[in-house]
C-alpha atoms as a PDB file:
ATOM      1  CA  MET A   1       1.920   1.499 -13.726  1.00  0.00           C
ATOM      2  CA  LYS A   2       3.298   2.274 -10.263  1.00  0.00           C
ATOM      3  CA  SER A   3       3.953  -0.049  -7.825  1.00  0.00           C
ATOM      4  CA  LYS A   4       4.022  -0.543  -4.304  1.00  0.00           C
ATOM      5  CA  ILE A   5       5.336  -3.701  -2.332  1.00  0.00           C
ATOM      6  CA  CYS A   6       3.532  -3.409   1.470  1.00  0.00           C
ATOM      7  CA  GLY A   7       4.936  -4.570   4.424  1.00  0.00           C
ATOM      8  CA  ILE A   8       8.214  -3.675   4.945  1.00  0.00           C
ATOM      9  CA  SER A   9      10.255  -4.490   8.625  1.00  0.00           C
ATOM     10  CA  ASP A  10      13.865  -4.632   7.781  1.00  0.00           C
ATOM     11  CA  SER A  11      16.326  -2.289   7.476  1.00  0.00           C
ATOM     12  CA  LYS A  12      18.048  -4.944   4.668  1.00  0.00           C
ATOM     13  CA  ILE A  13      14.994  -5.449   2.885  1.00  0.00           C
ATOM     14  CA  LEU A  14      14.029  -1.525   2.596  1.00  0.00           C
ATOM     15  CA  LYS A  15      17.842  -0.328   1.271  1.00  0.00           C
ATOM     16  CA  TYR A  16      17.608  -2.622  -1.609  1.00  0.00           C
ATOM     17  CA  LEU A  17      13.860  -1.430  -2.986  1.00  0.00           C
ATOM     18  CA  THR A  18      15.492   2.282  -2.372  1.00  0.00           C
ATOM     19  CA  GLU A  19      18.763   1.596  -3.932  1.00  0.00           C
ATOM     20  CA  HIS A  20      16.814  -0.491  -6.466  1.00  0.00           C
ATOM     21  CA  PRO A  21      17.590   1.058 -10.196  1.00  0.00           C
ATOM     22  CA  SER A  22      13.852   0.185 -10.749  1.00  0.00           C
ATOM     23  CA  PRO A  23      12.506   0.888  -6.901  1.00  0.00           C
ATOM     24  CA  PRO A  24       8.769   0.908  -5.516  1.00  0.00           C
ATOM     25  CA  GLN A  25       6.996   4.228  -6.790  1.00  0.00           C
ATOM     26  CA  TYR A  26       5.795   3.488  -2.758  1.00  0.00           C
ATOM     27  CA  ILE A  27       6.839   1.474   0.268  1.00  0.00           C
ATOM     28  CA  GLY A  28       4.218   0.420   2.987  1.00  0.00           C
ATOM     29  CA  PHE A  29       4.672  -0.579   6.390  1.00  0.00           C
ATOM     30  CA  ILE A  30       2.000  -1.602   9.086  1.00  0.00           C
ATOM     31  CA  VAL A  31       2.787   1.124  11.714  1.00  0.00           C
ATOM     32  CA  ASN A  32      -0.350   0.030  14.513  1.00  0.00           C
ATOM     33  CA  TYR A  33      -1.950  -3.655  13.703  1.00  0.00           C
ATOM     34  CA  PRO A  34       0.077  -6.083  16.008  1.00  0.00           C
ATOM     35  CA  LYS A  35      -1.851  -8.815  14.554  1.00  0.00           C
ATOM     36  CA  SER A  36      -0.449  -8.637  11.454  1.00  0.00           C
ATOM     37  CA  LYS A  37       3.586 -10.840  11.380  1.00  0.00           C
ATOM     38  CA  ARG A  38       4.544  -7.657   9.711  1.00  0.00           C
ATOM     39  CA  PHE A  39       3.483  -5.228  12.229  1.00  0.00           C
ATOM     40  CA  VAL A  40       6.965  -2.993  12.979  1.00  0.00           C
ATOM     41  CA  LYS A  41       6.340  -1.492  16.216  1.00  0.00           C
ATOM     42  CA  HIS A  42       7.249   2.244  16.644  1.00  0.00           C
ATOM     43  CA  ASN A  43      11.258   2.564  17.994  1.00  0.00           C
ATOM     44  CA  ASP A  44      12.499   0.146  15.158  1.00  0.00           C
ATOM     45  CA  LEU A  45      10.015   2.012  12.686  1.00  0.00           C
ATOM     46  CA  LYS A  46      11.536   5.428  14.009  1.00  0.00           C
ATOM     47  CA  GLU A  47      15.379   3.355  13.249  1.00  0.00           C
ATOM     48  CA  LEU A  48      13.847   2.141   9.666  1.00  0.00           C
ATOM     49  CA  LEU A  49      12.500   5.353   8.305  1.00  0.00           C
ATOM     50  CA  LYS A  50      15.879   6.801   9.027  1.00  0.00           C
ATOM     51  CA  ILE A  51      16.873   4.645   5.725  1.00  0.00           C
ATOM     52  CA  ASP A  52      17.040   7.238   2.886  1.00  0.00           C
ATOM     53  CA  LYS A  53      13.944   6.737   0.686  1.00  0.00           C
ATOM     54  CA  ASN A  54      15.346   8.378  -2.524  1.00  0.00           C
ATOM     55  CA  ASN A  55      12.913   7.916  -5.109  1.00  0.00           C
ATOM     56  CA  SER A  56       9.989   5.887  -3.188  1.00  0.00           C
ATOM     57  CA  LYS A  57       7.316   7.151  -0.917  1.00  0.00           C
ATOM     58  CA  TYR A  58       6.964   6.045   2.810  1.00  0.00           C
ATOM     59  CA  VAL A  59       3.638   5.034   3.160  1.00  0.00           C
ATOM     60  CA  ALA A  60       2.241   3.948   6.690  1.00  0.00           C
ATOM     61  CA  VAL A  61      -0.530   1.748   6.885  1.00  0.00           C
ATOM     62  CA  LEU A  62      -2.805   2.284   9.481  1.00  0.00           C
ATOM     63  CA  VAL A  63      -6.095   0.203  10.393  1.00  0.00           C
ATOM     64  CA  GLN A  64      -8.643   2.722  12.964  1.00  0.00           C
ATOM     65  CA  PRO A  65      -5.899   5.174  14.127  1.00  0.00           C
ATOM     66  CA  ASN A  66      -6.251   6.579  16.882  1.00  0.00           C
ATOM     67  CA  GLU A  67      -4.896   9.795  18.095  1.00  0.00           C
ATOM     68  CA  LYS A  68      -2.479   8.389  20.284  1.00  0.00           C
ATOM     69  CA  ILE A  69      -0.646   6.829  17.105  1.00  0.00           C
ATOM     70  CA  LEU A  70      -1.106   9.352  14.758  1.00  0.00           C
ATOM     71  CA  GLU A  71       0.700  11.934  17.298  1.00  0.00           C
ATOM     72  CA  GLU A  72       3.399   9.059  17.625  1.00  0.00           C
ATOM     73  CA  ILE A  73       4.325   9.098  13.798  1.00  0.00           C
ATOM     74  CA  LYS A  74       3.570  12.780  13.044  1.00  0.00           C
ATOM     75  CA  LYS A  75       7.289  13.818  12.697  1.00  0.00           C
ATOM     76  CA  LEU A  76       8.126  10.148  11.024  1.00  0.00           C
ATOM     77  CA  PRO A  77       8.717  11.189   7.143  1.00  0.00           C
ATOM     78  CA  PHE A  78       5.596   9.211   5.573  1.00  0.00           C
ATOM     79  CA  ASP A  79       3.938  10.901   2.757  1.00  0.00           C
ATOM     80  CA  TYR A  80       0.945   8.990   2.874  1.00  0.00           C
ATOM     81  CA  TYR A  81      -1.075   7.432   5.162  1.00  0.00           C
ATOM     82  CA  GLN A  82      -3.172   4.586   4.072  1.00  0.00           C
ATOM     83  CA  ILE A  83      -6.052   4.103   5.971  1.00  0.00           C
ATOM     84  CA  TYR A  84      -8.609   1.393   6.956  1.00  0.00           C
ATOM     85  CA  ASP A  85     -12.423   1.252   8.715  1.00  0.00           C
ATOM     86  CA  CYS A  86     -12.279   5.118   9.192  1.00  0.00           C
ATOM     87  CA  THR A  87     -15.105   7.390   8.232  1.00  0.00           C
ATOM     88  CA  PRO A  88     -15.518  10.275   5.962  1.00  0.00           C
ATOM     89  CA  ALA A  89     -15.375  13.162   8.688  1.00  0.00           C
ATOM     90  CA  GLU A  90     -12.149  11.093  10.524  1.00  0.00           C
ATOM     91  CA  ILE A  91     -10.438  11.416   7.558  1.00  0.00           C
ATOM     92  CA  ARG A  92     -11.200  14.866   6.991  1.00  0.00           C
ATOM     93  CA  SER A  93     -10.168  15.914  10.270  1.00  0.00           C
ATOM     94  CA  ILE A  94      -6.823  13.566  10.257  1.00  0.00           C
ATOM     95  CA  ILE A  95      -6.172  15.284   6.935  1.00  0.00           C
ATOM     96  CA  GLU A  96      -6.963  18.531   8.450  1.00  0.00           C
ATOM     97  CA  LYS A  97      -4.572  18.654  11.468  1.00  0.00           C
ATOM     98  CA  TYR A  98      -1.625  16.126  10.054  1.00  0.00           C
ATOM     99  CA  ASN A  99      -1.246  17.414   6.095  1.00  0.00           C
ATOM    100  CA  ARG A 100      -0.653  14.215   5.086  1.00  0.00           C
ATOM    101  CA  LYS A 101      -1.839  12.756   1.257  1.00  0.00           C
ATOM    102  CA  ILE A 102      -4.224   9.732   1.866  1.00  0.00           C
ATOM    103  CA  ILE A 103      -4.471   6.783   0.458  1.00  0.00           C
ATOM    104  CA  VAL A 104      -8.378   5.265   1.445  1.00  0.00           C
ATOM    105  CA  ALA A 105      -8.528   1.550   1.653  1.00  0.00           C
ATOM    106  CA  ILE A 106     -11.733   0.085   0.494  1.00  0.00           C
ATOM    107  CA  THR A 107     -12.108  -3.537   1.168  1.00  0.00           C
ATOM    108  CA  VAL A 108     -14.501  -5.777  -1.046  1.00  0.00           C
ATOM    109  CA  LYS A 109     -16.151  -8.822  -1.043  1.00  0.00           C
ATOM    110  CA  ASN A 110     -18.934  -8.004  -3.282  1.00  0.00           C
ATOM    111  CA  GLN A 111     -19.681  -5.159  -5.606  1.00  0.00           C
ATOM    112  CA  ASN A 112     -21.886  -3.347  -2.691  1.00  0.00           C
ATOM    113  CA  ASP A 113     -18.434  -2.725  -0.998  1.00  0.00           C
ATOM    114  CA  VAL A 114     -16.871  -1.121  -4.783  1.00  0.00           C
ATOM    115  CA  VAL A 115     -19.282   1.908  -4.101  1.00  0.00           C
ATOM    116  CA  LYS A 116     -18.379   2.955  -0.458  1.00  0.00           C
ATOM    117  CA  TYR A 117     -14.907   4.582  -2.360  1.00  0.00           C
ATOM    118  CA  ILE A 118     -17.393   7.173  -3.403  1.00  0.00           C
ATOM    119  CA  GLU A 119     -17.966   7.958  -0.099  1.00  0.00           C
ATOM    120  CA  TYR A 120     -14.386   9.030   0.262  1.00  0.00           C
ATOM    121  CA  ASN A 121     -13.673   9.911  -3.140  1.00  0.00           C
ATOM    122  CA  GLU A 122     -13.153  14.124  -2.538  1.00  0.00           C
ATOM    123  CA  LEU A 123     -10.962  13.247   0.242  1.00  0.00           C
ATOM    124  CA  ALA A 124      -8.444  10.380  -0.991  1.00  0.00           C
ATOM    125  CA  ASP A 125      -5.391  10.907  -2.957  1.00  0.00           C
ATOM    126  CA  ILE A 126      -5.181   7.736  -4.409  1.00  0.00           C
ATOM    127  CA  ILE A 127      -7.958   4.276  -3.419  1.00  0.00           C
ATOM    128  CA  LEU A 128      -6.932   1.181  -2.595  1.00  0.00           C
ATOM    129  CA  PHE A 129      -9.023  -1.628  -3.731  1.00  0.00           C
ATOM    130  CA  ASP A 130      -8.091  -4.409  -0.946  1.00  0.00           C
ATOM    131  CA  SER A 131      -9.840  -7.886   0.690  1.00  0.00           C
ATOM    132  CA  LYS A 132     -11.226  -8.191   3.381  1.00  0.00           C
ATOM    133  CA  GLY A 133      -8.011 -10.359   4.560  1.00  0.00           C
ATOM    134  CA  TYR A 134      -6.355  -7.695   6.094  1.00  0.00           C
ATOM    135  CA  GLU A 135      -3.030  -8.977   7.944  1.00  0.00           C
ATOM    136  CA  LYS A 136      -3.937 -12.472   5.583  1.00  0.00           C
ATOM    137  CA  SER A 137      -3.286 -12.267   1.846  1.00  0.00           C
ATOM    138  CA  ILE A 138      -6.539 -13.488   0.303  1.00  0.00           C
ATOM    139  CA  SER A 139      -7.994 -12.320  -3.395  1.00  0.00           C
ATOM    140  CA  PHE A 140     -10.980 -10.643  -4.723  1.00  0.00           C
ATOM    141  CA  ASP A 141     -12.709 -10.557  -7.966  1.00  0.00           C
ATOM    142  CA  HIS A 142     -10.786  -7.546  -9.501  1.00  0.00           C
ATOM    143  CA  GLN A 143     -13.866  -7.667 -12.325  1.00  0.00           C
ATOM    144  CA  LEU A 144     -15.522  -6.182  -9.776  1.00  0.00           C
ATOM    145  CA  ILE A 145     -13.694  -2.888 -10.287  1.00  0.00           C
ATOM    146  CA  LYS A 146     -12.831  -3.462 -13.791  1.00  0.00           C
ATOM    147  CA  ASN A 147     -14.791  -0.726 -15.209  1.00  0.00           C
ATOM    148  CA  LEU A 148     -14.768   1.825 -12.481  1.00  0.00           C
ATOM    149  CA  LYS A 149     -14.854   5.036 -13.984  1.00  0.00           C
ATOM    150  CA  ILE A 150     -13.101   7.134 -10.761  1.00  0.00           C
ATOM    151  CA  ASN A 151     -11.116  10.770 -11.076  1.00  0.00           C
ATOM    152  CA  LYS A 152      -7.893   9.194  -8.710  1.00  0.00           C
ATOM    153  CA  LYS A 153      -5.409   7.003  -8.744  1.00  0.00           C
ATOM    154  CA  LEU A 154      -6.591   3.579  -8.213  1.00  0.00           C
ATOM    155  CA  MET A 155      -4.245   0.915  -6.493  1.00  0.00           C
ATOM    156  CA  LEU A 156      -5.092  -2.743  -6.293  1.00  0.00           C
ATOM    157  CA  ALA A 157      -4.131  -5.212  -3.939  1.00  0.00           C
ATOM    158  CA  GLY A 158      -5.296  -8.750  -2.433  1.00  0.00           C
ATOM    159  CA  ASN A 159      -2.847 -11.770  -2.830  1.00  0.00           C
ATOM    160  CA  ILE A 160      -0.971 -10.576  -6.100  1.00  0.00           C
ATOM    161  CA  GLN A 161       1.875 -12.954  -7.216  1.00  0.00           C
ATOM    162  CA  ILE A 162       4.891 -12.149  -9.552  1.00  0.00           C
ATOM    163  CA  GLN A 163       3.666 -14.894 -11.684  1.00  0.00           C
ATOM    164  CA  ASP A 164       0.521 -13.548 -12.316  1.00  0.00           C
ATOM    165  CA  ASN A 165       0.005 -11.368 -15.079  1.00  0.00           C
ATOM    166  CA  LEU A 166       1.147  -8.523 -14.070  1.00  0.00           C
ATOM    167  CA  LYS A 167      -0.299  -6.689 -17.063  1.00  0.00           C
ATOM    168  CA  SER A 168      -3.542  -7.440 -16.982  1.00  0.00           C
ATOM    169  CA  TYR A 169      -3.540  -5.130 -13.575  1.00  0.00           C
ATOM    170  CA  LYS A 170      -2.826  -2.021 -15.980  1.00  0.00           C
ATOM    171  CA  GLU A 171      -6.066  -2.665 -17.280  1.00  0.00           C
ATOM    172  CA  ILE A 172      -7.899  -2.079 -13.813  1.00  0.00           C
ATOM    173  CA  ALA A 173      -5.202   0.003 -11.921  1.00  0.00           C
ATOM    174  CA  ASP A 174      -2.579   2.890 -11.681  1.00  0.00           C
ATOM    175  CA  ILE A 175      -0.472   1.343  -8.691  1.00  0.00           C
ATOM    176  CA  VAL A 176      -0.382  -2.677  -7.950  1.00  0.00           C
ATOM    177  CA  ASP A 177       0.386  -3.270  -4.522  1.00  0.00           C
ATOM    178  CA  ILE A 178       2.197  -6.842  -3.591  1.00  0.00           C
ATOM    179  CA  SER A 179       3.396  -7.430  -0.251  1.00  0.00           C
ATOM    180  CA  GLY A 180       2.886 -11.469   0.895  1.00  0.00           C
ATOM    181  CA  GLY A 181       3.522 -12.153  -2.542  1.00  0.00           C
ATOM    182  CA  LEU A 182       6.952 -11.556  -2.726  1.00  0.00           C
ATOM    183  CA  GLU A 183       7.828 -13.391   0.802  1.00  0.00           C
ATOM    184  CA  THR A 184       9.504 -16.967   1.687  1.00  0.00           C
ATOM    185  CA  SER A 185       8.481 -18.621   4.594  1.00  0.00           C
ATOM    186  CA  GLY A 186       6.702 -15.546   5.627  1.00  0.00           C
ATOM    187  CA  LEU A 187      10.205 -13.212   5.098  1.00  0.00           C
ATOM    188  CA  LYS A 188      10.796 -10.746   2.553  1.00  0.00           C
ATOM    189  CA  ASP A 189      12.605 -12.421  -0.873  1.00  0.00           C
ATOM    190  CA  ILE A 190      15.283 -10.180  -2.746  1.00  0.00           C
ATOM    191  CA  SER A 191      14.681 -12.942  -5.341  1.00  0.00           C
ATOM    192  CA  LYS A 192      11.111 -12.667  -5.345  1.00  0.00           C
ATOM    193  CA  ILE A 193      11.495  -8.409  -4.998  1.00  0.00           C
ATOM    194  CA  ASN A 194      13.859  -8.144  -8.073  1.00  0.00           C
ATOM    195  CA  ILE A 195      11.773 -10.341 -10.606  1.00  0.00           C
ATOM    196  CA  PHE A 196       8.178  -8.106  -8.665  1.00  0.00           C
ATOM    197  CA  LEU A 197       9.967  -4.938  -9.749  1.00  0.00           C
ATOM    198  CA  ASN A 198      11.901  -5.945 -13.082  1.00  0.00           C
ATOM    199  CA  LYS A 199       8.317  -7.666 -14.485  1.00  0.00           C
ATOM    200  CA  VAL A 200       6.889  -3.501 -13.594  1.00  0.00           C
ATOM    201  CA  LYS A 201       9.745  -2.620 -15.273  1.00  0.00           C
ATOM    202  CA  GLN A 202       9.686  -4.196 -18.867  1.00  0.00           C
ATOM    203  CA  ILE A 203       5.712  -3.132 -19.023  1.00  0.00           C
ATOM    204  CA  ASN A 204       5.990   0.195 -18.595  1.00  0.00           C
ATOM    205  CA  ASP A 205       8.793   0.334 -21.388  1.00  0.00           C
ATOM    206  CA  GLU A 206       6.766  -1.707 -23.458  1.00  0.00           C
ATOM    207  CA  ALA A 207       4.075   0.660 -23.241  1.00  0.00           C
END
């Protein structure tokens, strides 16, 4: 099981993640969604991303990105674009123009939402199933995706907490994506991050 820690906006936390003995495989930054308290302004983002990613991949989280924001970030060291609310045609155009790996985010309330991944399957490197919460950490019924057989890596988000039985997510997804579950009073908490990363390592060591 791999992990993604999302909503990083602080250089101290980012250094802690990239230098951790069991770092997350993916680190996400909120690039163009000011409604989120984890949003990072462009100039701050440029400074933040100067921190060496070491063994992690940097992910730009983008909600309906327009050409202006895509042009602004094209030289930044992102490995993946995680995209919400774009059509397959829009995503194809982003791939052709910017040559980035793509995480397509499917927001789920019911089974009808789940099957939307089929439209994006050939375009995505990773399919992310998330809640409809966006900036709010709310969950959805993970059983809706439990028996999916897709030929892409599957990432799971939506109000995941460190006290959850993380091992149960391994049966559903390849990658667990956590954000609010690693915060105390709205800020990333190093002690919670350490617990989470060590739990993931332990699960993988037992496998």
